[in-house]
């Protein structure tokens, strides 16, 4: 857990204490929310997914999803190592994390748009050989995923 994630969780605990106190101090609550909003841009997408799963009252006061960043890939490094297949596997793992963290299908789609998942997947698949695509499809039991991969085979 990074220091920034720990700080956000600690501030959220302070929010909980403030909210469940008999007299809610609005100024203190606003100050805590502002502190959280200053730290959220420093968090990675995985840390934000963690907050989606484990945060509680923070979501009532700030939209954590607004702090998601585009999924980053190093195109130069991928080309040099020809590691498109491995990066697509990492992207699929991240998609599983999104699926586990999202409240519903609409939130899942929103997160995917925020992170630009479709464009990253399209780029990776466009650079992969048919053999790599077939290898990935053979590794999966999910027919929808297989069909998605088959749709990216080159003629």
C-alpha atoms as a PDB file:
ATOM      1  CA  UNK A   1       0.000   0.000   0.000  1.00  0.00           C
ATOM      2  CA  UNK A   2       1.472   3.336  -1.025  1.00  0.00           C
ATOM      3  CA  UNK A   3       1.771   6.240   1.377  1.00  0.00           C
ATOM      4  CA  UNK A   4      -0.819   8.208  -0.579  1.00  0.00           C
ATOM      5  CA  UNK A   5      -3.351   5.396  -0.477  1.00  0.00           C
ATOM      6  CA  UNK A   6      -2.740   5.001   3.235  1.00  0.00           C
ATOM      7  CA  UNK A   7      -3.304   8.759   3.708  1.00  0.00           C
ATOM      8  CA  UNK A   8      -6.613   8.622   1.815  1.00  0.00           C
ATOM      9  CA  UNK A   9      -7.826   5.692   3.896  1.00  0.00           C
ATOM     10  CA  UNK A  10      -6.763   7.451   7.078  1.00  0.00           C
ATOM     11  CA  UNK A  11      -8.584  10.620   6.023  1.00  0.00           C
ATOM     12  CA  UNK A  12     -11.662   8.574   5.239  1.00  0.00           C
ATOM     13  CA  UNK A  13     -11.540   7.124   8.752  1.00  0.00           C
ATOM     14  CA  UNK A  14     -11.415  10.688  10.053  1.00  0.00           C
ATOM     15  CA  UNK A  15     -14.468  11.451   7.896  1.00  0.00           C
ATOM     16  CA  UNK A  16     -16.305   8.510   9.412  1.00  0.00           C
ATOM     17  CA  UNK A  17     -15.446   9.722  12.898  1.00  0.00           C
ATOM     18  CA  UNK A  18     -16.609  13.209  11.978  1.00  0.00           C
ATOM     19  CA  UNK A  19     -19.882  11.988  10.454  1.00  0.00           C
ATOM     20  CA  UNK A  20     -20.814   9.676  13.263  1.00  0.00           C
ATOM     21  CA  UNK A  21     -20.010  12.169  15.944  1.00  0.00           C
ATOM     22  CA  UNK A  22     -23.132  13.618  17.577  1.00  0.00           C
ATOM     23  CA  UNK A  23     -22.355  17.056  16.181  1.00  0.00           C
ATOM     24  CA  UNK A  24     -21.064  16.989  12.617  1.00  0.00           C
ATOM     25  CA  UNK A  25     -18.407  19.646  12.096  1.00  0.00           C
ATOM     26  CA  UNK A  26     -19.076  20.769   8.498  1.00  0.00           C
ATOM     27  CA  UNK A  27     -15.811  22.719   8.273  1.00  0.00           C
ATOM     28  CA  UNK A  28     -13.769  19.709   9.336  1.00  0.00           C
ATOM     29  CA  UNK A  29     -15.646  17.510   6.862  1.00  0.00           C
ATOM     30  CA  UNK A  30     -14.969  19.932   3.991  1.00  0.00           C
ATOM     31  CA  UNK A  31     -11.305  20.107   4.981  1.00  0.00           C
ATOM     32  CA  UNK A  32     -11.031  16.301   4.936  1.00  0.00           C
ATOM     33  CA  UNK A  33     -12.734  16.077   1.543  1.00  0.00           C
ATOM     34  CA  UNK A  34     -10.375  18.713   0.121  1.00  0.00           C
ATOM     35  CA  UNK A  35      -7.349  16.815   1.427  1.00  0.00           C
ATOM     36  CA  UNK A  36      -8.613  13.599  -0.149  1.00  0.00           C
ATOM     37  CA  UNK A  37      -9.242  15.386  -3.455  1.00  0.00           C
ATOM     38  CA  UNK A  38      -5.647  16.654  -3.465  1.00  0.00           C
ATOM     39  CA  UNK A  39      -4.231  13.164  -2.960  1.00  0.00           C
ATOM     40  CA  UNK A  40      -6.479  11.231  -5.370  1.00  0.00           C
ATOM     41  CA  UNK A  41      -4.685  12.440  -8.558  1.00  0.00           C
ATOM     42  CA  UNK A  42      -1.468  10.917  -7.203  1.00  0.00           C
ATOM     43  CA  UNK A  43      -2.964   7.422  -6.963  1.00  0.00           C
ATOM     44  CA  UNK A  44      -2.561   4.737  -9.591  1.00  0.00           C
ATOM     45  CA  UNK A  45      -5.562   3.160 -11.279  1.00  0.00           C
ATOM     46  CA  UNK A  46      -5.098   0.015  -9.203  1.00  0.00           C
ATOM     47  CA  UNK A  47      -5.173   2.054  -6.014  1.00  0.00           C
ATOM     48  CA  UNK A  48      -8.343   3.793  -7.154  1.00  0.00           C
ATOM     49  CA  UNK A  49      -9.877   0.372  -7.846  1.00  0.00           C
ATOM     50  CA  UNK A  50      -8.906  -0.565  -4.281  1.00  0.00           C
ATOM     51  CA  UNK A  51     -10.753   2.504  -3.007  1.00  0.00           C
ATOM     52  CA  UNK A  52     -13.817   1.535  -5.026  1.00  0.00           C
ATOM     53  CA  UNK A  53     -13.839  -1.839  -3.313  1.00  0.00           C
ATOM     54  CA  UNK A  54     -12.897  -0.698   0.177  1.00  0.00           C
ATOM     55  CA  UNK A  55     -13.907   2.932   0.537  1.00  0.00           C
ATOM     56  CA  UNK A  56     -17.214   3.708   2.156  1.00  0.00           C
ATOM     57  CA  UNK A  57     -18.292   7.268   2.952  1.00  0.00           C
ATOM     58  CA  UNK A  58     -15.763   8.952   0.664  1.00  0.00           C
ATOM     59  CA  UNK A  59     -17.877   8.031  -2.367  1.00  0.00           C
ATOM     60  CA  UNK A  60     -20.746  10.101  -1.016  1.00  0.00           C
ATOM     61  CA  UNK A  61     -18.615  13.253  -1.215  1.00  0.00           C
ATOM     62  CA  UNK A  62     -16.268  12.812  -4.149  1.00  0.00           C
ATOM     63  CA  UNK A  63     -16.316  10.895  -7.408  1.00  0.00           C
ATOM     64  CA  UNK A  64     -13.258   8.689  -7.188  1.00  0.00           C
ATOM     65  CA  UNK A  65     -13.749   7.562 -10.801  1.00  0.00           C
ATOM     66  CA  UNK A  66     -12.873  11.055 -12.035  1.00  0.00           C
ATOM     67  CA  UNK A  67      -9.290  10.388 -10.969  1.00  0.00           C
ATOM     68  CA  UNK A  68      -8.734   7.378 -13.210  1.00  0.00           C
ATOM     69  CA  UNK A  69      -6.025   7.764 -15.806  1.00  0.00           C
ATOM     70  CA  UNK A  70      -5.624   6.272 -19.248  1.00  0.00           C
ATOM     71  CA  UNK A  71      -4.034   2.841 -19.216  1.00  0.00           C
ATOM     72  CA  UNK A  72      -0.412   3.448 -20.151  1.00  0.00           C
ATOM     73  CA  UNK A  73       1.738   1.339 -22.389  1.00  0.00           C
ATOM     74  CA  UNK A  74       5.259   1.960 -23.574  1.00  0.00           C
ATOM     75  CA  UNK A  75       4.987   1.449 -27.333  1.00  0.00           C
ATOM     76  CA  UNK A  76       8.742   1.665 -27.866  1.00  0.00           C
ATOM     77  CA  UNK A  77       9.455  -0.970 -25.238  1.00  0.00           C
ATOM     78  CA  UNK A  78       6.658  -3.215 -26.525  1.00  0.00           C
ATOM     79  CA  UNK A  79       8.024  -3.034 -30.062  1.00  0.00           C
ATOM     80  CA  UNK A  80      11.592  -3.648 -28.920  1.00  0.00           C
ATOM     81  CA  UNK A  81      10.642  -6.708 -26.853  1.00  0.00           C
ATOM     82  CA  UNK A  82       7.721  -7.791 -29.057  1.00  0.00           C
ATOM     83  CA  UNK A  83       5.768  -8.216 -25.825  1.00  0.00           C
ATOM     84  CA  UNK A  84       2.309  -7.304 -27.109  1.00  0.00           C
ATOM     85  CA  UNK A  85       0.847 -10.624 -25.993  1.00  0.00           C
ATOM     86  CA  UNK A  86       2.159 -10.233 -22.441  1.00  0.00           C
ATOM     87  CA  UNK A  87       0.838  -6.677 -22.271  1.00  0.00           C
ATOM     88  CA  UNK A  88      -2.591  -7.843 -23.432  1.00  0.00           C
ATOM     89  CA  UNK A  89      -2.553 -10.375 -20.604  1.00  0.00           C
ATOM     90  CA  UNK A  90      -1.786  -7.548 -18.153  1.00  0.00           C
ATOM     91  CA  UNK A  91      -4.625  -5.538 -19.648  1.00  0.00           C
ATOM     92  CA  UNK A  92      -6.987  -8.498 -19.177  1.00  0.00           C
ATOM     93  CA  UNK A  93      -5.915  -8.768 -15.534  1.00  0.00           C
ATOM     94  CA  UNK A  94      -6.684  -5.085 -15.126  1.00  0.00           C
ATOM     95  CA  UNK A  95     -10.102  -5.678 -16.716  1.00  0.00           C
ATOM     96  CA  UNK A  96     -10.777  -8.388 -14.157  1.00  0.00           C
ATOM     97  CA  UNK A  97      -9.877  -5.909 -11.418  1.00  0.00           C
ATOM     98  CA  UNK A  98     -12.305  -3.398 -12.932  1.00  0.00           C
ATOM     99  CA  UNK A  99     -14.991  -6.061 -13.080  1.00  0.00           C
ATOM    100  CA  UNK A 100     -14.426  -6.920  -9.418  1.00  0.00           C
ATOM    101  CA  UNK A 101     -14.437  -3.244  -8.388  1.00  0.00           C
ATOM    102  CA  UNK A 102     -17.305  -1.860 -10.436  1.00  0.00           C
ATOM    103  CA  UNK A 103     -20.697  -1.503  -8.821  1.00  0.00           C
ATOM    104  CA  UNK A 104     -22.604  -2.443 -11.971  1.00  0.00           C
ATOM    105  CA  UNK A 105     -22.248  -2.802 -15.726  1.00  0.00           C
ATOM    106  CA  UNK A 106     -22.604   0.941 -16.339  1.00  0.00           C
ATOM    107  CA  UNK A 107     -19.788   1.727 -13.938  1.00  0.00           C
ATOM    108  CA  UNK A 108     -17.671  -1.000 -15.552  1.00  0.00           C
ATOM    109  CA  UNK A 109     -18.177   0.588 -18.984  1.00  0.00           C
ATOM    110  CA  UNK A 110     -17.473   4.054 -17.596  1.00  0.00           C
ATOM    111  CA  UNK A 111     -14.195   2.911 -16.056  1.00  0.00           C
ATOM    112  CA  UNK A 112     -13.176   1.228 -19.313  1.00  0.00           C
ATOM    113  CA  UNK A 113     -13.846   4.466 -21.206  1.00  0.00           C
ATOM    114  CA  UNK A 114     -11.921   6.524 -18.646  1.00  0.00           C
ATOM    115  CA  UNK A 115      -8.926   4.186 -18.947  1.00  0.00           C
ATOM    116  CA  UNK A 116      -9.192   3.959 -22.757  1.00  0.00           C
ATOM    117  CA  UNK A 117      -9.174   0.161 -22.602  1.00  0.00           C
ATOM    118  CA  UNK A 118     -10.687  -0.431 -26.051  1.00  0.00           C
ATOM    119  CA  UNK A 119      -8.055   1.624 -27.868  1.00  0.00           C
ATOM    120  CA  UNK A 120      -5.204   0.010 -25.960  1.00  0.00           C
ATOM    121  CA  UNK A 121      -6.546  -3.481 -26.710  1.00  0.00           C
ATOM    122  CA  UNK A 122      -7.025  -2.593 -30.387  1.00  0.00           C
ATOM    123  CA  UNK A 123      -3.482  -1.274 -30.614  1.00  0.00           C
ATOM    124  CA  UNK A 124      -1.997  -4.362 -28.973  1.00  0.00           C
ATOM    125  CA  UNK A 125      -4.012  -6.744 -31.150  1.00  0.00           C
ATOM    126  CA  UNK A 126      -3.132  -4.829 -34.318  1.00  0.00           C
ATOM    127  CA  UNK A 127       0.559  -5.373 -33.569  1.00  0.00           C
ATOM    128  CA  UNK A 128       0.251  -9.052 -32.661  1.00  0.00           C
ATOM    129  CA  UNK A 129       0.800 -11.901 -35.076  1.00  0.00           C
ATOM    130  CA  UNK A 130      -2.006 -14.318 -35.901  1.00  0.00           C
ATOM    131  CA  UNK A 131      -0.064 -17.017 -34.074  1.00  0.00           C
ATOM    132  CA  UNK A 132      -0.019 -14.974 -30.863  1.00  0.00           C
ATOM    133  CA  UNK A 133      -3.728 -14.218 -31.182  1.00  0.00           C
ATOM    134  CA  UNK A 134      -4.495 -17.912 -31.711  1.00  0.00           C
ATOM    135  CA  UNK A 135      -2.318 -18.819 -28.720  1.00  0.00           C
ATOM    136  CA  UNK A 136      -4.255 -16.390 -26.526  1.00  0.00           C
ATOM    137  CA  UNK A 137      -7.583 -17.716 -27.758  1.00  0.00           C
ATOM    138  CA  UNK A 138      -6.522 -21.298 -27.028  1.00  0.00           C
ATOM    139  CA  UNK A 139      -5.663 -20.303 -23.448  1.00  0.00           C
ATOM    140  CA  UNK A 140      -9.172 -19.026 -22.768  1.00  0.00           C
ATOM    141  CA  UNK A 141     -12.357 -20.923 -21.985  1.00  0.00           C
ATOM    142  CA  UNK A 142     -14.516 -17.835 -22.557  1.00  0.00           C
ATOM    143  CA  UNK A 143     -16.129 -18.088 -25.983  1.00  0.00           C
ATOM    144  CA  UNK A 144     -16.938 -14.380 -26.115  1.00  0.00           C
ATOM    145  CA  UNK A 145     -13.265 -13.573 -25.599  1.00  0.00           C
ATOM    146  CA  UNK A 146     -12.250 -16.159 -28.212  1.00  0.00           C
ATOM    147  CA  UNK A 147     -14.636 -14.596 -30.730  1.00  0.00           C
ATOM    148  CA  UNK A 148     -13.277 -11.151 -29.891  1.00  0.00           C
ATOM    149  CA  UNK A 149      -9.746 -12.392 -30.538  1.00  0.00           C
ATOM    150  CA  UNK A 150     -10.732 -14.199 -33.754  1.00  0.00           C
ATOM    151  CA  UNK A 151     -12.206 -10.931 -35.006  1.00  0.00           C
ATOM    152  CA  UNK A 152      -8.702  -9.455 -34.836  1.00  0.00           C
ATOM    153  CA  UNK A 153      -6.999 -12.059 -37.005  1.00  0.00           C
ATOM    154  CA  UNK A 154      -5.308 -10.614 -40.041  1.00  0.00           C
ATOM    155  CA  UNK A 155      -6.016 -11.937 -43.518  1.00  0.00           C
END
